[in-house]
Structures are given as structure tokens and as C-alpha cells.
Amino acid sequence: MKTIADYSKFDYSFNPEYLLIDTYNRDTDDYVEYFKDYCEDNNYTIKGEGTDMEGLYHGGKVTFWDWFYETTADEDKEFWYNFKKAIDKEPLYTRCVILGTCGTWMGNRTIVPTLVDNLYDAVIKCLKDCDYYKLSMKDNVLHVEGTHHDGTNTFEIRLVNSDNYDKINYWDNEKDGDIEKFFEDKNNFNEFYWDFFGLA
């Protein structure tokens, strides 16, 4: 599976959707085989089958599910390290905007477009309090989906076009940092939508 780190030269001209990470759909069958290898490498006695397997050793045991959660947590940690490393430099370390809907107990709510200083912080903001998530890239847009106890957040993150920095800085600085209020006016939002958003 390719990750964003594979595109660290920042050639984002590809069109197909590339999955960066998906914690919804981990294939436990693959992990069962990995667990068997883990037990054999450590000379553990295997008891049970499938996800009910345990690795027995002198004085203790490790269950498949304990090993699975620890292993996937390590994989996620490695992904986020590589993801941050890949985008913590130009041209991806730049301001971006979040668009989309937030799942609530009252249904989905469209958010006010939100400017964030960099791509990594934007993704973390989208995934706050989410238990499962999916990141993919298509048509130069980062798609973020995250599920939490109230529903599912679905967002797009777009880099701000460098040609429009002057406009954004004006609204951000001259208007007392009230860029969010500017976007709340649908006329303003519609007028500047295509100018503001998209890759430089």
C-alpha cells in the first residue's frame, strides 16, 4: 500500500484515489498469519485457531487480540510519523482550508470553511475524538473521514492557492483575524471559492 511518504517529491498530479490509511477495514486474516509468525519467532506454543489463538510461553501467554491492538497501534504511530515528516516542508507546509460535514447526535452539520496553518494540523483537527478513520488523496484533495460516538465526520482539505495569499492575509489581519466570519457570508464564500481553494 502506498502512503503519502511515497510521494515526498510532491508530484500530486495523479488522478486515481490513493488510500493513505484506513483503520476501518483491517484484514484480520492477514494479521492471524503475522501472529503465527510472531509466535514461531519467539518459540511460543500456539493454542487455538484464527483470532482465538494464543501464544503460550513459560509463565504466561499473549492473546491474538492483545498482540493485534499493540501491533496496529505501532503501525499507526509509524504512519503518522512518516506522514508528518513528508508534509512538514514546502510546498505542503502551507495554509489550507477544511470543508465538509461533522456528524452529531442531531445529524450531519456542514461546517464553516476553516483555515488552518498547515496540512498536518488540519488533519489532526478533522480527526479529533475519532475512533476510526480513513485518509485518501484524489484530484489534489485530501479526503478525511472519521467516526466517533456521535456519528461520522467527512471533510476535504485543500491547500490555499498561493495567488490568493494577499486576499486571505487581508481578511485575516486587517479584519482582526475574522476570516471565519467572512466565510459565513455565503455571497463572499461563493465569490471567492474557486480563487481561494486548490493547489498553487
Protein backbone atom coordinates (compact mmCIF):
# COMPACT_ATOMS: atom_id res chain seq x y z
CA MET A 1 0.00 0.00 0.00
CA LYS A 2 1.35 3.40 -0.93
CA THR A 3 1.46 6.17 1.63
CA ILE A 4 1.90 9.89 1.27
CA ALA A 5 5.57 9.37 2.10
CA ASP A 6 5.92 7.65 -1.27
CA TYR A 7 5.09 10.99 -2.86
CA SER A 8 7.56 13.04 -0.87
CA LYS A 9 8.71 14.74 -4.09
CA PHE A 10 5.24 16.25 -4.11
CA ASP A 11 4.11 15.16 -7.54
CA TYR A 12 0.40 15.41 -6.82
CA SER A 13 -0.72 15.36 -10.45
CA PHE A 14 -2.13 11.83 -10.17
CA ASN A 15 -5.88 11.41 -10.56
CA PRO A 16 -6.86 7.99 -9.10
CA GLU A 17 -7.77 7.82 -5.44
CA TYR A 18 -4.83 6.72 -3.29
CA LEU A 19 -5.59 5.30 0.11
CA LEU A 20 -3.17 6.59 2.72
CA ILE A 21 -4.55 4.83 5.79
CA ASP A 22 -7.80 3.08 6.69
CA THR A 23 -8.36 1.87 10.25
CA TYR A 24 -11.94 0.77 9.48
CA ASN A 25 -11.03 -2.21 7.33
CA ARG A 26 -8.05 -4.06 8.69
CA ASP A 27 -7.99 -7.63 7.39
CA THR A 28 -7.64 -9.79 10.49
CA ASP A 29 -6.89 -12.85 8.33
CA ASP A 30 -3.58 -11.26 7.36
CA TYR A 31 -2.82 -10.44 10.97
CA VAL A 32 -3.57 -14.03 12.03
CA GLU A 33 -0.72 -15.15 9.77
CA TYR A 34 1.54 -12.42 11.17
CA PHE A 35 0.67 -13.56 14.70
CA LYS A 36 1.62 -17.13 13.86
CA ASP A 37 4.99 -15.90 12.59
CA TYR A 38 5.41 -13.82 15.75
CA CYS A 39 4.75 -16.85 17.97
CA GLU A 40 7.10 -19.07 15.97
CA ASP A 41 9.88 -16.48 16.02
CA ASN A 42 9.59 -16.29 19.81
CA ASN A 43 9.23 -20.07 20.30
CA TYR A 44 5.71 -19.69 21.73
CA THR A 45 3.35 -22.66 21.71
CA ILE A 46 0.29 -21.84 19.58
CA LYS A 47 -3.08 -22.75 21.04
CA GLY A 48 -6.40 -22.28 19.23
CA GLU A 49 -7.14 -21.04 15.74
CA GLY A 50 -7.86 -17.80 13.95
CA THR A 51 -8.49 -14.79 16.16
CA ASP A 52 -8.90 -17.12 19.16
CA MET A 53 -5.22 -18.05 19.02
CA GLU A 54 -2.92 -17.63 21.98
CA GLY A 55 0.83 -17.84 22.21
CA LEU A 56 1.88 -19.74 25.32
CA TYR A 57 5.27 -19.35 26.94
CA HIS A 58 6.78 -20.26 30.28
CA GLY A 59 4.85 -18.33 32.90
CA GLY A 60 2.38 -16.57 30.64
CA LYS A 61 0.59 -16.10 27.34
CA VAL A 62 -0.21 -13.49 24.71
CA THR A 63 -3.60 -13.46 23.01
CA PHE A 64 -4.11 -12.60 19.37
CA TRP A 65 -6.21 -9.55 20.21
CA ASP A 66 -3.69 -8.13 22.70
CA TRP A 67 -0.97 -8.53 20.10
CA PHE A 68 -3.24 -7.16 17.33
CA TYR A 69 -4.08 -3.91 19.16
CA GLU A 70 -0.48 -3.33 20.13
CA THR A 71 0.75 -4.06 16.60
CA THR A 72 -1.80 -1.82 14.86
CA ALA A 73 -1.10 0.97 17.34
CA ASP A 74 2.59 0.76 16.40
CA GLU A 75 1.67 0.78 12.70
CA ASP A 76 -0.49 3.87 13.17
CA LYS A 77 2.28 5.59 15.10
CA GLU A 78 4.72 4.88 12.28
CA PHE A 79 2.24 6.15 9.68
CA TRP A 80 1.72 9.47 11.49
CA TYR A 81 5.46 9.92 11.92
CA ASN A 82 6.06 9.41 8.18
CA PHE A 83 3.02 11.49 7.24
CA LYS A 84 4.18 14.46 9.30
CA LYS A 85 7.74 14.10 8.03
CA ALA A 86 6.55 14.06 4.40
CA ILE A 87 4.39 17.18 4.68
CA ASP A 88 6.42 19.25 7.13
CA LYS A 89 8.13 21.10 4.30
CA GLU A 90 7.28 23.17 1.26
CA PRO A 91 5.07 23.13 -0.68
CA LEU A 92 2.77 21.18 1.64
CA TYR A 93 3.68 23.10 4.79
CA THR A 94 1.30 25.89 3.95
CA ARG A 95 -2.14 27.18 4.86
CA CYS A 96 -5.10 25.06 3.92
CA VAL A 97 -8.85 25.03 4.32
CA ILE A 98 -11.17 22.37 5.73
CA LEU A 99 -14.58 21.87 4.10
CA GLY A 100 -17.21 19.27 4.90
CA THR A 101 -19.67 17.94 7.45
CA CYS A 102 -19.48 16.97 11.09
CA GLY A 103 -21.56 14.09 12.41
CA THR A 104 -23.57 14.93 15.52
CA TRP A 105 -26.34 13.23 17.50
CA MET A 106 -28.72 15.62 15.70
CA GLY A 107 -27.48 14.59 12.25
CA ASN A 108 -24.78 15.90 9.91
CA ARG A 109 -23.92 19.60 10.07
CA THR A 110 -22.00 21.49 7.39
CA ILE A 111 -19.06 23.33 8.92
CA VAL A 112 -17.95 26.89 8.22
CA PRO A 113 -14.84 26.61 5.98
CA THR A 114 -11.91 26.64 8.40
CA LEU A 115 -8.43 27.94 7.64
CA VAL A 116 -5.54 26.08 9.28
CA ASP A 117 -1.86 26.98 9.22
CA ASN A 118 -0.62 23.65 7.86
CA LEU A 119 -1.84 20.34 6.46
CA TYR A 120 -0.84 18.17 9.43
CA ASP A 121 -2.73 20.34 11.94
CA ALA A 122 -5.74 20.33 9.61
CA VAL A 123 -5.86 16.52 9.54
CA ILE A 124 -5.49 16.28 13.33
CA LYS A 125 -8.28 18.85 13.73
CA CYS A 126 -10.55 16.76 11.49
CA LEU A 127 -9.87 13.55 13.41
CA LYS A 128 -10.16 14.87 16.96
CA ASP A 129 -12.04 12.35 19.16
CA CYS A 130 -12.45 9.89 16.26
CA ASP A 131 -12.08 6.18 16.98
CA TYR A 132 -11.67 5.04 13.37
CA TYR A 133 -10.56 6.99 10.33
CA LYS A 134 -9.65 6.94 6.68
CA LEU A 135 -7.41 9.28 4.67
CA SER A 136 -7.20 9.27 0.89
CA MET A 137 -5.97 11.60 -1.84
CA LYS A 138 -7.85 12.27 -5.09
CA ASP A 139 -7.77 15.15 -7.56
CA ASN A 140 -5.27 17.05 -5.39
CA VAL A 141 -7.67 16.97 -2.45
CA LEU A 142 -7.06 15.17 0.85
CA HIS A 143 -10.26 13.38 1.91
CA VAL A 144 -10.67 12.68 5.62
CA GLU A 145 -13.33 10.51 7.22
CA GLY A 146 -13.53 9.80 10.93
CA THR A 147 -16.12 8.05 13.08
CA HIS A 148 -16.83 8.89 16.72
CA HIS A 149 -19.62 8.11 19.19
CA ASP A 150 -22.00 10.72 17.71
CA GLY A 151 -21.51 10.00 14.02
CA THR A 152 -19.08 10.38 11.14
CA ASN A 153 -17.08 13.43 10.07
CA THR A 154 -16.44 13.79 6.33
CA PHE A 155 -14.02 16.50 5.24
CA GLU A 156 -11.97 17.75 2.31
CA ILE A 157 -8.69 19.54 2.92
CA ARG A 158 -7.40 21.81 0.17
CA LEU A 159 -4.19 23.79 0.05
CA VAL A 160 -4.73 27.52 -0.35
CA ASN A 161 -3.69 28.79 -3.75
CA SER A 162 -0.58 30.94 -3.35
CA ASP A 163 -2.05 33.56 -5.72
CA ASN A 164 -4.65 34.37 -3.08
CA TYR A 165 -2.42 34.83 -0.04
CA ASP A 166 -2.82 38.60 -0.23
CA LYS A 167 -6.60 38.29 -0.09
CA ILE A 168 -6.52 35.89 2.82
CA ASN A 169 -3.93 37.88 4.73
CA TYR A 170 -6.07 40.99 4.29
CA TRP A 171 -9.14 39.35 5.79
CA ASP A 172 -7.09 37.55 8.40
CA ASN A 173 -5.07 40.57 9.56
CA GLU A 174 -6.83 43.79 8.57
CA LYS A 175 -10.22 42.47 9.69
CA ASP A 176 -9.00 41.46 13.15
CA GLY A 177 -8.49 37.84 12.20
CA ASP A 178 -12.17 37.41 11.35
CA ILE A 179 -11.69 35.20 8.29
CA GLU A 180 -14.24 32.69 9.60
CA LYS A 181 -16.93 35.39 9.79
CA PHE A 182 -16.06 36.38 6.23
CA PHE A 183 -16.77 32.83 5.09
CA GLU A 184 -20.08 32.76 6.96
CA ASP A 185 -21.38 35.20 4.35
CA LYS A 186 -22.40 32.83 1.55
CA ASN A 187 -22.01 35.54 -1.09
CA ASN A 188 -18.39 36.06 -0.10
CA PHE A 189 -17.81 32.33 0.06
CA ASN A 190 -19.27 31.65 -3.38
CA GLU A 191 -17.45 34.59 -4.97
CA PHE A 192 -14.00 33.56 -3.75
CA TYR A 193 -14.42 29.78 -3.57
CA TRP A 194 -12.63 28.91 -6.80
CA ASP A 195 -9.97 31.57 -6.24
CA PHE A 196 -9.13 30.59 -2.70
CA PHE A 197 -9.00 26.83 -2.82
CA GLY A 198 -6.88 24.37 -4.74
CA LEU A 199 -3.22 23.67 -5.24
CA ALA A 200 -0.93 26.53 -6.12
